[in-house]
mmCIF file of all heavy atoms, coordinates in Angstrom:
data_MODEL
# 
_entry.id   MODEL 
# 
loop_
_atom_site.group_PDB 
_atom_site.id 
_atom_site.type_symbol 
_atom_site.label_atom_id 
_atom_site.label_alt_id 
_atom_site.label_comp_id 
_atom_site.label_asym_id 
_atom_site.label_entity_id 
_atom_site.label_seq_id 
_atom_site.pdbx_PDB_ins_code 
_atom_site.Cartn_x 
_atom_site.Cartn_y 
_atom_site.Cartn_z 
_atom_site.occupancy 
_atom_site.B_iso_or_equiv 
_atom_site.pdbx_formal_charge 
_atom_site.auth_seq_id 
_atom_site.auth_comp_id 
_atom_site.auth_asym_id 
_atom_site.auth_atom_id 
_atom_site.pdbx_PDB_model_num 
ATOM 1   N N   . ASP A 1 1  ? 110.325 -25.819 -3.521  1.00 0.00 ? 1  ASP A N   1 
ATOM 2   C CA  . ASP A 1 1  ? 109.928 -25.913 -2.170  1.00 0.00 ? 1  ASP A CA  1 
ATOM 3   C C   . ASP A 1 1  ? 109.216 -24.637 -1.848  1.00 0.00 ? 1  ASP A C   1 
ATOM 4   O O   . ASP A 1 1  ? 108.624 -24.497 -0.745  1.00 0.00 ? 1  ASP A O   1 
ATOM 5   C CB  . ASP A 1 1  ? 111.124 -26.128 -1.267  1.00 0.00 ? 1  ASP A CB  1 
ATOM 6   C CG  . ASP A 1 1  ? 111.715 -27.483 -1.496  1.00 0.00 ? 1  ASP A CG  1 
ATOM 7   O OD1 . ASP A 1 1  ? 110.989 -28.472 -1.848  1.00 0.00 ? 1  ASP A OD1 1 
ATOM 8   O OD2 . ASP A 1 1  ? 112.801 -27.701 -1.108  1.00 0.00 ? 1  ASP A OD2 1 
ATOM 9   N N   . GLU A 1 2  ? 109.155 -23.630 -2.751  1.00 0.00 ? 2  GLU A N   1 
ATOM 10  C CA  . GLU A 1 2  ? 108.580 -22.330 -2.442  1.00 0.00 ? 2  GLU A CA  1 
ATOM 11  C C   . GLU A 1 2  ? 107.292 -22.022 -3.155  1.00 0.00 ? 2  GLU A C   1 
ATOM 12  O O   . GLU A 1 2  ? 106.295 -21.439 -2.713  1.00 0.00 ? 2  GLU A O   1 
ATOM 13  C CB  . GLU A 1 2  ? 109.529 -21.146 -2.685  1.00 0.00 ? 2  GLU A CB  1 
ATOM 14  C CG  . GLU A 1 2  ? 110.871 -21.239 -1.983  1.00 0.00 ? 2  GLU A CG  1 
ATOM 15  C CD  . GLU A 1 2  ? 111.909 -20.299 -2.446  1.00 0.00 ? 2  GLU A CD  1 
ATOM 16  O OE1 . GLU A 1 2  ? 111.473 -19.166 -2.973  1.00 0.00 ? 2  GLU A OE1 1 
ATOM 17  O OE2 . GLU A 1 2  ? 113.011 -20.586 -2.387  1.00 0.00 ? 2  GLU A OE2 1 
ATOM 18  N N   . CYS A 1 3  ? 107.243 -22.541 -4.456  1.00 0.00 ? 3  CYS A N   1 
ATOM 19  C CA  . CYS A 1 3  ? 106.243 -22.207 -5.364  1.00 0.00 ? 3  CYS A CA  1 
ATOM 20  C C   . CYS A 1 3  ? 106.023 -23.263 -6.487  1.00 0.00 ? 3  CYS A C   1 
ATOM 21  O O   . CYS A 1 3  ? 106.804 -24.285 -6.476  1.00 0.00 ? 3  CYS A O   1 
ATOM 22  C CB  . CYS A 1 3  ? 106.348 -20.819 -5.949  1.00 0.00 ? 3  CYS A CB  1 
ATOM 23  S SG  . CYS A 1 3  ? 107.772 -20.743 -7.068  1.00 0.00 ? 3  CYS A SG  1 
ATOM 24  N N   . GLY A 1 4  ? 105.050 -23.075 -7.271  1.00 0.00 ? 4  GLY A N   1 
ATOM 25  C CA  . GLY A 1 4  ? 104.844 -23.996 -8.344  1.00 0.00 ? 4  GLY A CA  1 
ATOM 26  C C   . GLY A 1 4  ? 103.620 -25.046 -8.202  1.00 0.00 ? 4  GLY A C   1 
ATOM 27  O O   . GLY A 1 4  ? 103.193 -25.645 -9.108  1.00 0.00 ? 4  GLY A O   1 
ATOM 28  N N   . SER A 1 5  ? 103.227 -25.040 -6.987  1.00 0.00 ? 5  SER A N   1 
ATOM 29  C CA  . SER A 1 5  ? 102.090 -25.922 -6.675  1.00 0.00 ? 5  SER A CA  1 
ATOM 30  C C   . SER A 1 5  ? 101.372 -25.461 -5.387  1.00 0.00 ? 5  SER A C   1 
ATOM 31  O O   . SER A 1 5  ? 101.877 -24.637 -4.662  1.00 0.00 ? 5  SER A O   1 
ATOM 32  C CB  . SER A 1 5  ? 102.513 -27.427 -6.372  1.00 0.00 ? 5  SER A CB  1 
ATOM 33  O OG  . SER A 1 5  ? 103.345 -27.445 -5.344  1.00 0.00 ? 5  SER A OG  1 
ATOM 34  N N   . ILE A 1 6  ? 100.137 -25.807 -5.229  1.00 0.00 ? 6  ILE A N   1 
ATOM 35  C CA  . ILE A 1 6  ? 99.288  -25.385 -4.061  1.00 0.00 ? 6  ILE A CA  1 
ATOM 36  C C   . ILE A 1 6  ? 99.596  -26.440 -2.989  1.00 0.00 ? 6  ILE A C   1 
ATOM 37  O O   . ILE A 1 6  ? 98.869  -27.460 -2.986  1.00 0.00 ? 6  ILE A O   1 
ATOM 38  C CB  . ILE A 1 6  ? 97.772  -25.125 -4.456  1.00 0.00 ? 6  ILE A CB  1 
ATOM 39  C CG1 . ILE A 1 6  ? 97.722  -24.106 -5.454  1.00 0.00 ? 6  ILE A CG1 1 
ATOM 40  C CG2 . ILE A 1 6  ? 97.003  -24.712 -3.187  1.00 0.00 ? 6  ILE A CG2 1 
ATOM 41  C CD1 . ILE A 1 6  ? 96.392  -23.928 -5.995  1.00 0.00 ? 6  ILE A CD1 1 
ATOM 42  N N   . ARG A 1 7  ? 100.362 -26.172 -2.035  1.00 0.00 ? 7  ARG A N   1 
ATOM 43  C CA  . ARG A 1 7  ? 100.731 -27.145 -0.918  1.00 0.00 ? 7  ARG A CA  1 
ATOM 44  C C   . ARG A 1 7  ? 101.101 -26.400 0.354   1.00 0.00 ? 7  ARG A C   1 
ATOM 45  O O   . ARG A 1 7  ? 101.519 -25.205 0.274   1.00 0.00 ? 7  ARG A O   1 
ATOM 46  C CB  . ARG A 1 7  ? 101.781 -27.972 -1.337  1.00 0.00 ? 7  ARG A CB  1 
ATOM 47  C CG  . ARG A 1 7  ? 101.603 -28.905 -2.524  1.00 0.00 ? 7  ARG A CG  1 
ATOM 48  C CD  . ARG A 1 7  ? 102.633 -29.794 -2.794  1.00 0.00 ? 7  ARG A CD  1 
ATOM 49  N NE  . ARG A 1 7  ? 102.291 -30.659 -3.876  1.00 0.00 ? 7  ARG A NE  1 
ATOM 50  C CZ  . ARG A 1 7  ? 103.140 -31.381 -4.658  1.00 0.00 ? 7  ARG A CZ  1 
ATOM 51  N NH1 . ARG A 1 7  ? 104.425 -31.353 -4.352  1.00 0.00 ? 7  ARG A NH1 1 
ATOM 52  N NH2 . ARG A 1 7  ? 102.623 -31.994 -5.617  1.00 0.00 ? 7  ARG A NH2 1 
ATOM 53  N N   . PRO A 1 8  ? 100.903 -26.935 1.515   1.00 0.00 ? 8  PRO A N   1 
ATOM 54  C CA  . PRO A 1 8  ? 101.406 -26.341 2.764   1.00 0.00 ? 8  PRO A CA  1 
ATOM 55  C C   . PRO A 1 8  ? 102.845 -25.841 2.605   1.00 0.00 ? 8  PRO A C   1 
ATOM 56  O O   . PRO A 1 8  ? 103.729 -26.585 2.174   1.00 0.00 ? 8  PRO A O   1 
ATOM 57  C CB  . PRO A 1 8  ? 101.205 -27.360 3.824   1.00 0.00 ? 8  PRO A CB  1 
ATOM 58  C CG  . PRO A 1 8  ? 100.148 -28.258 3.261   1.00 0.00 ? 8  PRO A CG  1 
ATOM 59  C CD  . PRO A 1 8  ? 100.457 -28.338 1.756   1.00 0.00 ? 8  PRO A CD  1 
ATOM 60  N N   . GLY A 1 9  ? 103.141 -24.614 3.087   1.00 0.00 ? 9  GLY A N   1 
ATOM 61  C CA  . GLY A 1 9  ? 104.506 -24.187 3.068   1.00 0.00 ? 9  GLY A CA  1 
ATOM 62  C C   . GLY A 1 9  ? 104.904 -23.435 1.767   1.00 0.00 ? 9  GLY A C   1 
ATOM 63  O O   . GLY A 1 9  ? 105.926 -22.805 1.663   1.00 0.00 ? 9  GLY A O   1 
ATOM 64  N N   . ARG A 1 10 ? 104.077 -23.462 0.665   1.00 0.00 ? 10 ARG A N   1 
ATOM 65  C CA  . ARG A 1 10 ? 104.426 -22.825 -0.598  1.00 0.00 ? 10 ARG A CA  1 
ATOM 66  C C   . ARG A 1 10 ? 103.724 -21.480 -0.569  1.00 0.00 ? 10 ARG A C   1 
ATOM 67  O O   . ARG A 1 10 ? 102.840 -21.162 0.087   1.00 0.00 ? 10 ARG A O   1 
ATOM 68  C CB  . ARG A 1 10 ? 103.795 -23.607 -1.769  1.00 0.00 ? 10 ARG A CB  1 
ATOM 69  C CG  . ARG A 1 10 ? 104.176 -25.149 -1.828  1.00 0.00 ? 10 ARG A CG  1 
ATOM 70  C CD  . ARG A 1 10 ? 105.609 -25.209 -2.206  1.00 0.00 ? 10 ARG A CD  1 
ATOM 71  N NE  . ARG A 1 10 ? 105.938 -26.566 -2.614  1.00 0.00 ? 10 ARG A NE  1 
ATOM 72  C CZ  . ARG A 1 10 ? 106.091 -27.697 -1.916  1.00 0.00 ? 10 ARG A CZ  1 
ATOM 73  N NH1 . ARG A 1 10 ? 105.894 -27.548 -0.537  1.00 0.00 ? 10 ARG A NH1 1 
ATOM 74  N NH2 . ARG A 1 10 ? 106.455 -28.755 -2.394  1.00 0.00 ? 10 ARG A NH2 1 
ATOM 75  N N   . ASP A 1 11 ? 104.255 -20.581 -1.440  1.00 0.00 ? 11 ASP A N   1 
ATOM 76  C CA  . ASP A 1 11 ? 103.624 -19.294 -1.643  1.00 0.00 ? 11 ASP A CA  1 
ATOM 77  C C   . ASP A 1 11 ? 102.166 -19.522 -2.159  1.00 0.00 ? 11 ASP A C   1 
ATOM 78  O O   . ASP A 1 11 ? 102.021 -20.360 -2.984  1.00 0.00 ? 11 ASP A O   1 
ATOM 79  C CB  . ASP A 1 11 ? 104.516 -18.469 -2.640  1.00 0.00 ? 11 ASP A CB  1 
ATOM 80  C CG  . ASP A 1 11 ? 105.809 -18.045 -2.304  1.00 0.00 ? 11 ASP A CG  1 
ATOM 81  O OD1 . ASP A 1 11 ? 106.096 -18.056 -1.058  1.00 0.00 ? 11 ASP A OD1 1 
ATOM 82  O OD2 . ASP A 1 11 ? 106.609 -17.599 -3.147  1.00 0.00 ? 11 ASP A OD2 1 
ATOM 83  N N   . ALA A 1 12 ? 101.343 -18.798 -1.634  1.00 0.00 ? 12 ALA A N   1 
ATOM 84  C CA  . ALA A 1 12 ? 99.887  -18.815 -2.014  1.00 0.00 ? 12 ALA A CA  1 
ATOM 85  C C   . ALA A 1 12 ? 99.578  -17.929 -3.116  1.00 0.00 ? 12 ALA A C   1 
ATOM 86  O O   . ALA A 1 12 ? 98.649  -17.100 -3.056  1.00 0.00 ? 12 ALA A O   1 
ATOM 87  C CB  . ALA A 1 12 ? 98.978  -18.638 -0.881  1.00 0.00 ? 12 ALA A CB  1 
ATOM 88  N N   . ASP A 1 13 ? 100.276 -18.024 -4.255  1.00 0.00 ? 13 ASP A N   1 
ATOM 89  C CA  . ASP A 1 13 ? 100.124 -17.222 -5.444  1.00 0.00 ? 13 ASP A CA  1 
ATOM 90  C C   . ASP A 1 13 ? 99.466  -18.129 -6.497  1.00 0.00 ? 13 ASP A C   1 
ATOM 91  O O   . ASP A 1 13 ? 100.068 -19.156 -6.982  1.00 0.00 ? 13 ASP A O   1 
ATOM 92  C CB  . ASP A 1 13 ? 101.449 -16.661 -6.027  1.00 0.00 ? 13 ASP A CB  1 
ATOM 93  C CG  . ASP A 1 13 ? 102.269 -15.768 -5.035  1.00 0.00 ? 13 ASP A CG  1 
ATOM 94  O OD1 . ASP A 1 13 ? 101.556 -15.161 -4.203  1.00 0.00 ? 13 ASP A OD1 1 
ATOM 95  O OD2 . ASP A 1 13 ? 103.478 -15.745 -5.136  1.00 0.00 ? 13 ASP A OD2 1 
ATOM 96  N N   . PHE A 1 14 ? 98.226  -17.779 -6.801  1.00 0.00 ? 14 PHE A N   1 
ATOM 97  C CA  . PHE A 1 14 ? 97.582  -18.644 -7.877  1.00 0.00 ? 14 PHE A CA  1 
ATOM 98  C C   . PHE A 1 14 ? 96.463  -17.930 -8.467  1.00 0.00 ? 14 PHE A C   1 
ATOM 99  O O   . PHE A 1 14 ? 96.097  -16.883 -8.142  1.00 0.00 ? 14 PHE A O   1 
ATOM 100 C CB  . PHE A 1 14 ? 96.946  -19.989 -7.234  1.00 0.00 ? 14 PHE A CB  1 
ATOM 101 C CG  . PHE A 1 14 ? 95.956  -19.703 -6.039  1.00 0.00 ? 14 PHE A CG  1 
ATOM 102 C CD1 . PHE A 1 14 ? 94.663  -19.797 -6.414  1.00 0.00 ? 14 PHE A CD1 1 
ATOM 103 C CD2 . PHE A 1 14 ? 96.365  -19.546 -4.732  1.00 0.00 ? 14 PHE A CD2 1 
ATOM 104 C CE1 . PHE A 1 14 ? 93.657  -19.602 -5.449  1.00 0.00 ? 14 PHE A CE1 1 
ATOM 105 C CE2 . PHE A 1 14 ? 95.422  -19.280 -3.809  1.00 0.00 ? 14 PHE A CE2 1 
ATOM 106 C CZ  . PHE A 1 14 ? 94.024  -19.233 -4.164  1.00 0.00 ? 14 PHE A CZ  1 
ATOM 107 N N   . VAL A 1 15 ? 95.906  -18.562 -9.561  1.00 0.00 ? 15 VAL A N   1 
ATOM 108 C CA  . VAL A 1 15 ? 94.775  -17.934 -10.307 1.00 0.00 ? 15 VAL A CA  1 
ATOM 109 C C   . VAL A 1 15 ? 93.712  -19.067 -10.467 1.00 0.00 ? 15 VAL A C   1 
ATOM 110 O O   . VAL A 1 15 ? 93.965  -20.259 -10.298 1.00 0.00 ? 15 VAL A O   1 
ATOM 111 C CB  . VAL A 1 15 ? 95.217  -17.532 -11.796 1.00 0.00 ? 15 VAL A CB  1 
ATOM 112 C CG1 . VAL A 1 15 ? 96.236  -16.394 -11.724 1.00 0.00 ? 15 VAL A CG1 1 
ATOM 113 C CG2 . VAL A 1 15 ? 95.690  -18.592 -12.655 1.00 0.00 ? 15 VAL A CG2 1 
ATOM 114 N N   . VAL A 1 16 ? 92.521  -18.531 -10.626 1.00 0.00 ? 16 VAL A N   1 
ATOM 115 C CA  . VAL A 1 16 ? 91.437  -19.461 -10.880 1.00 0.00 ? 16 VAL A CA  1 
ATOM 116 C C   . VAL A 1 16 ? 90.934  -19.260 -12.428 1.00 0.00 ? 16 VAL A C   1 
ATOM 117 O O   . VAL A 1 16 ? 90.871  -18.156 -12.859 1.00 0.00 ? 16 VAL A O   1 
ATOM 118 C CB  . VAL A 1 16 ? 90.192  -19.169 -9.942  1.00 0.00 ? 16 VAL A CB  1 
ATOM 119 C CG1 . VAL A 1 16 ? 89.035  -20.059 -10.248 1.00 0.00 ? 16 VAL A CG1 1 
ATOM 120 C CG2 . VAL A 1 16 ? 90.633  -19.201 -8.558  1.00 0.00 ? 16 VAL A CG2 1 
ATOM 121 N N   . LEU A 1 17 ? 90.857  -20.464 -13.127 1.00 0.00 ? 17 LEU A N   1 
ATOM 122 C CA  . LEU A 1 17 ? 90.602  -20.440 -14.455 1.00 0.00 ? 17 LEU A CA  1 
ATOM 123 C C   . LEU A 1 17 ? 89.164  -21.157 -14.694 1.00 0.00 ? 17 LEU A C   1 
ATOM 124 O O   . LEU A 1 17 ? 88.881  -21.996 -13.900 1.00 0.00 ? 17 LEU A O   1 
ATOM 125 C CB  . LEU A 1 17 ? 91.669  -21.142 -15.319 1.00 0.00 ? 17 LEU A CB  1 
ATOM 126 C CG  . LEU A 1 17 ? 93.061  -20.609 -15.251 1.00 0.00 ? 17 LEU A CG  1 
ATOM 127 C CD1 . LEU A 1 17 ? 94.028  -21.539 -15.945 1.00 0.00 ? 17 LEU A CD1 1 
ATOM 128 C CD2 . LEU A 1 17 ? 93.130  -19.127 -15.657 1.00 0.00 ? 17 LEU A CD2 1 
ATOM 129 N N   . THR A 1 18 ? 88.585  -20.858 -15.724 1.00 0.00 ? 18 THR A N   1 
ATOM 130 C CA  . THR A 1 18 ? 87.280  -21.548 -16.115 1.00 0.00 ? 18 THR A CA  1 
ATOM 131 C C   . THR A 1 18 ? 87.684  -22.817 -16.862 1.00 0.00 ? 18 THR A C   1 
ATOM 132 O O   . THR A 1 18 ? 88.898  -22.953 -17.090 1.00 0.00 ? 18 THR A O   1 
ATOM 133 C CB  . THR A 1 18 ? 86.439  -20.727 -16.961 1.00 0.00 ? 18 THR A CB  1 
ATOM 134 O OG1 . THR A 1 18 ? 87.080  -20.349 -18.185 1.00 0.00 ? 18 THR A OG1 1 
ATOM 135 C CG2 . THR A 1 18 ? 86.004  -19.340 -16.286 1.00 0.00 ? 18 THR A CG2 1 
ATOM 136 N N   . GLY A 1 19 ? 86.668  -23.552 -17.162 1.00 0.00 ? 19 GLY A N   1 
ATOM 137 C CA  . GLY A 1 19 ? 86.935  -24.804 -18.079 1.00 0.00 ? 19 GLY A CA  1 
ATOM 138 C C   . GLY A 1 19 ? 87.542  -24.482 -19.315 1.00 0.00 ? 19 GLY A C   1 
ATOM 139 O O   . GLY A 1 19 ? 88.277  -25.413 -19.921 1.00 0.00 ? 19 GLY A O   1 
ATOM 140 N N   . ASP A 1 20 ? 87.264  -23.257 -19.900 1.00 0.00 ? 20 ASP A N   1 
ATOM 141 C CA  . ASP A 1 20 ? 87.943  -23.004 -21.172 1.00 0.00 ? 20 ASP A CA  1 
ATOM 142 C C   . ASP A 1 20 ? 89.270  -22.202 -21.054 1.00 0.00 ? 20 ASP A C   1 
ATOM 143 O O   . ASP A 1 20 ? 89.731  -21.573 -21.971 1.00 0.00 ? 20 ASP A O   1 
ATOM 144 C CB  . ASP A 1 20 ? 86.965  -22.244 -22.059 1.00 0.00 ? 20 ASP A CB  1 
ATOM 145 C CG  . ASP A 1 20 ? 86.626  -20.756 -21.580 1.00 0.00 ? 20 ASP A CG  1 
ATOM 146 O OD1 . ASP A 1 20 ? 87.039  -20.464 -20.529 1.00 0.00 ? 20 ASP A OD1 1 
ATOM 147 O OD2 . ASP A 1 20 ? 86.023  -20.121 -22.465 1.00 0.00 ? 20 ASP A OD2 1 
ATOM 148 N N   . LEU A 1 21 ? 89.745  -22.178 -19.752 1.00 0.00 ? 21 LEU A N   1 
ATOM 149 C CA  . LEU A 1 21 ? 91.054  -21.544 -19.421 1.00 0.00 ? 21 LEU A CA  1 
ATOM 150 C C   . LEU A 1 21 ? 91.089  -20.132 -19.452 1.00 0.00 ? 21 LEU A C   1 
ATOM 151 O O   . LEU A 1 21 ? 92.045  -19.412 -19.497 1.00 0.00 ? 21 LEU A O   1 
ATOM 152 C CB  . LEU A 1 21 ? 92.129  -22.120 -20.251 1.00 0.00 ? 21 LEU A CB  1 
ATOM 153 C CG  . LEU A 1 21 ? 92.417  -23.580 -20.126 1.00 0.00 ? 21 LEU A CG  1 
ATOM 154 C CD1 . LEU A 1 21 ? 93.480  -24.205 -21.121 1.00 0.00 ? 21 LEU A CD1 1 
ATOM 155 C CD2 . LEU A 1 21 ? 92.812  -24.031 -18.848 1.00 0.00 ? 21 LEU A CD2 1 
ATOM 156 N N   . SER A 1 22 ? 89.831  -19.481 -19.272 1.00 0.00 ? 22 SER A N   1 
ATOM 157 C CA  . SER A 1 22 ? 89.736  -18.082 -19.189 1.00 0.00 ? 22 SER A CA  1 
ATOM 158 C C   . SER A 1 22 ? 89.976  -17.671 -17.633 1.00 0.00 ? 22 SER A C   1 
ATOM 159 O O   . SER A 1 22 ? 89.600  -18.408 -16.785 1.00 0.00 ? 22 SER A O   1 
ATOM 160 C CB  . SER A 1 22 ? 88.400  -17.565 -19.634 1.00 0.00 ? 22 SER A CB  1 
ATOM 161 O OG  . SER A 1 22 ? 88.220  -17.825 -20.977 1.00 0.00 ? 22 SER A OG  1 
ATOM 162 N N   . LEU A 1 23 ? 90.653  -16.529 -17.415 1.00 0.00 ? 23 LEU A N   1 
ATOM 163 C CA  . LEU A 1 23 ? 90.907  -16.094 -16.073 1.00 0.00 ? 23 LEU A CA  1 
ATOM 164 C C   . LEU A 1 23 ? 89.659  -15.644 -15.299 1.00 0.00 ? 23 LEU A C   1 
ATOM 165 O O   . LEU A 1 23 ? 88.843  -14.854 -15.880 1.00 0.00 ? 23 LEU A O   1 
ATOM 166 C CB  . LEU A 1 23 ? 91.891  -14.904 -16.092 1.00 0.00 ? 23 LEU A CB  1 
ATOM 167 C CG  . LEU A 1 23 ? 92.327  -14.315 -14.780 1.00 0.00 ? 23 LEU A CG  1 
ATOM 168 C CD1 . LEU A 1 23 ? 93.102  -15.363 -13.950 1.00 0.00 ? 23 LEU A CD1 1 
ATOM 169 C CD2 . LEU A 1 23 ? 93.224  -13.124 -15.031 1.00 0.00 ? 23 LEU A CD2 1 
ATOM 170 N N   . VAL A 1 24 ? 89.516  -16.086 -14.066 1.00 0.00 ? 24 VAL A N   1 
ATOM 171 C CA  . VAL A 1 24 ? 88.389  -15.735 -13.242 1.00 0.00 ? 24 VAL A CA  1 
ATOM 172 C C   . VAL A 1 24 ? 88.822  -14.883 -12.049 1.00 0.00 ? 24 VAL A C   1 
ATOM 173 O O   . VAL A 1 24 ? 88.218  -13.741 -11.742 1.00 0.00 ? 24 VAL A O   1 
ATOM 174 C CB  . VAL A 1 24 ? 87.674  -16.961 -12.681 1.00 0.00 ? 24 VAL A CB  1 
ATOM 175 C CG1 . VAL A 1 24 ? 86.594  -16.634 -11.729 1.00 0.00 ? 24 VAL A CG1 1 
ATOM 176 C CG2 . VAL A 1 24 ? 87.085  -17.894 -13.752 1.00 0.00 ? 24 VAL A CG2 1 
ATOM 177 N N   . GLU A 1 25 ? 89.961  -15.210 -11.493 1.00 0.00 ? 25 GLU A N   1 
ATOM 178 C CA  . GLU A 1 25 ? 90.388  -14.517 -10.221 1.00 0.00 ? 25 GLU A CA  1 
ATOM 179 C C   . GLU A 1 25 ? 91.855  -14.841 -9.957  1.00 0.00 ? 25 GLU A C   1 
ATOM 180 O O   . GLU A 1 25 ? 92.400  -15.742 -10.416 1.00 0.00 ? 25 GLU A O   1 
ATOM 181 C CB  . GLU A 1 25 ? 89.547  -15.144 -9.096  1.00 0.00 ? 25 GLU A CB  1 
ATOM 182 C CG  . GLU A 1 25 ? 89.540  -14.216 -7.912  1.00 0.00 ? 25 GLU A CG  1 
ATOM 183 C CD  . GLU A 1 25 ? 88.485  -14.458 -6.754  1.00 0.00 ? 25 GLU A CD  1 
ATOM 184 O OE1 . GLU A 1 25 ? 87.649  -15.470 -7.004  1.00 0.00 ? 25 GLU A OE1 1 
ATOM 185 O OE2 . GLU A 1 25 ? 88.365  -13.718 -5.863  1.00 0.00 ? 25 GLU A OE2 1 
ATOM 186 N N   . THR A 1 26 ? 92.506  -13.684 -9.375  1.00 0.00 ? 26 THR A N   1 
ATOM 187 C CA  . THR A 1 26 ? 93.981  -13.734 -9.111  1.00 0.00 ? 26 THR A CA  1 
ATOM 188 C C   . THR A 1 26 ? 94.207  -13.563 -7.680  1.00 0.00 ? 26 THR A C   1 
ATOM 189 O O   . THR A 1 26 ? 93.695  -12.784 -7.029  1.00 0.00 ? 26 THR A O   1 
ATOM 190 C CB  . THR A 1 26 ? 94.717  -12.669 -9.837  1.00 0.00 ? 26 THR A CB  1 
ATOM 191 O OG1 . THR A 1 26 ? 94.393  -12.831 -11.352 1.00 0.00 ? 26 THR A OG1 1 
ATOM 192 C CG2 . THR A 1 26 ? 96.169  -12.683 -9.762  1.00 0.00 ? 26 THR A CG2 1 
ATOM 193 N N   . TYR A 1 27 ? 95.036  -14.580 -7.103  1.00 0.00 ? 27 TYR A N   1 
ATOM 194 C CA  . TYR A 1 27 ? 95.394  -14.499 -5.657  1.00 0.00 ? 27 TYR A CA  1 
ATOM 195 C C   . TYR A 1 27 ? 96.951  -14.489 -5.433  1.00 0.00 ? 27 TYR A C   1 
ATOM 196 O O   . TYR A 1 27 ? 97.406  -15.452 -5.325  1.00 0.00 ? 27 TYR A O   1 
ATOM 197 C CB  . TYR A 1 27 ? 94.872  -15.823 -5.050  1.00 0.00 ? 27 TYR A CB  1 
ATOM 198 C CG  . TYR A 1 27 ? 93.407  -15.939 -4.879  1.00 0.00 ? 27 TYR A CG  1 
ATOM 199 C CD1 . TYR A 1 27 ? 92.616  -16.352 -5.886  1.00 0.00 ? 27 TYR A CD1 1 
ATOM 200 C CD2 . TYR A 1 27 ? 92.811  -15.668 -3.625  1.00 0.00 ? 27 TYR A CD2 1 
ATOM 201 C CE1 . TYR A 1 27 ? 91.169  -16.458 -5.732  1.00 0.00 ? 27 TYR A CE1 1 
ATOM 202 C CE2 . TYR A 1 27 ? 91.402  -15.805 -3.377  1.00 0.00 ? 27 TYR A CE2 1 
ATOM 203 C CZ  . TYR A 1 27 ? 90.638  -16.164 -4.495  1.00 0.00 ? 27 TYR A CZ  1 
ATOM 204 O OH  . TYR A 1 27 ? 89.273  -16.241 -4.354  1.00 0.00 ? 27 TYR A OH  1 
ATOM 205 N N   . PRO A 1 28 ? 97.515  -13.275 -5.325  1.00 0.00 ? 28 PRO A N   1 
ATOM 206 C CA  . PRO A 1 28 ? 98.923  -13.225 -4.849  1.00 0.00 ? 28 PRO A CA  1 
ATOM 207 C C   . PRO A 1 28 ? 98.871  -13.297 -3.266  1.00 0.00 ? 28 PRO A C   1 
ATOM 208 O O   . PRO A 1 28 ? 98.105  -12.586 -2.693  1.00 0.00 ? 28 PRO A O   1 
ATOM 209 C CB  . PRO A 1 28 ? 99.371  -11.872 -5.361  1.00 0.00 ? 28 PRO A CB  1 
ATOM 210 C CG  . PRO A 1 28 ? 98.189  -11.079 -5.576  1.00 0.00 ? 28 PRO A CG  1 
ATOM 211 C CD  . PRO A 1 28 ? 96.989  -11.974 -5.821  1.00 0.00 ? 28 PRO A CD  1 
ATOM 212 N N   . GLY A 1 29 ? 99.706  -14.089 -2.728  1.00 0.00 ? 29 GLY A N   1 
ATOM 213 C CA  . GLY A 1 29 ? 99.791  -14.268 -1.311  1.00 0.00 ? 29 GLY A CA  1 
ATOM 214 C C   . GLY A 1 29 ? 98.504  -14.646 -0.620  1.00 0.00 ? 29 GLY A C   1 
ATOM 215 O O   . GLY A 1 29 ? 98.309  -14.391 0.515   1.00 0.00 ? 29 GLY A O   1 
# 
């Protein structure tokens, strides 16, 4: 109910990956 997916009410901690799963950007909070 706090994290694990991007949904309303969840922590907005996520990363953006390219199609080959390389890291593009990091978003804590």
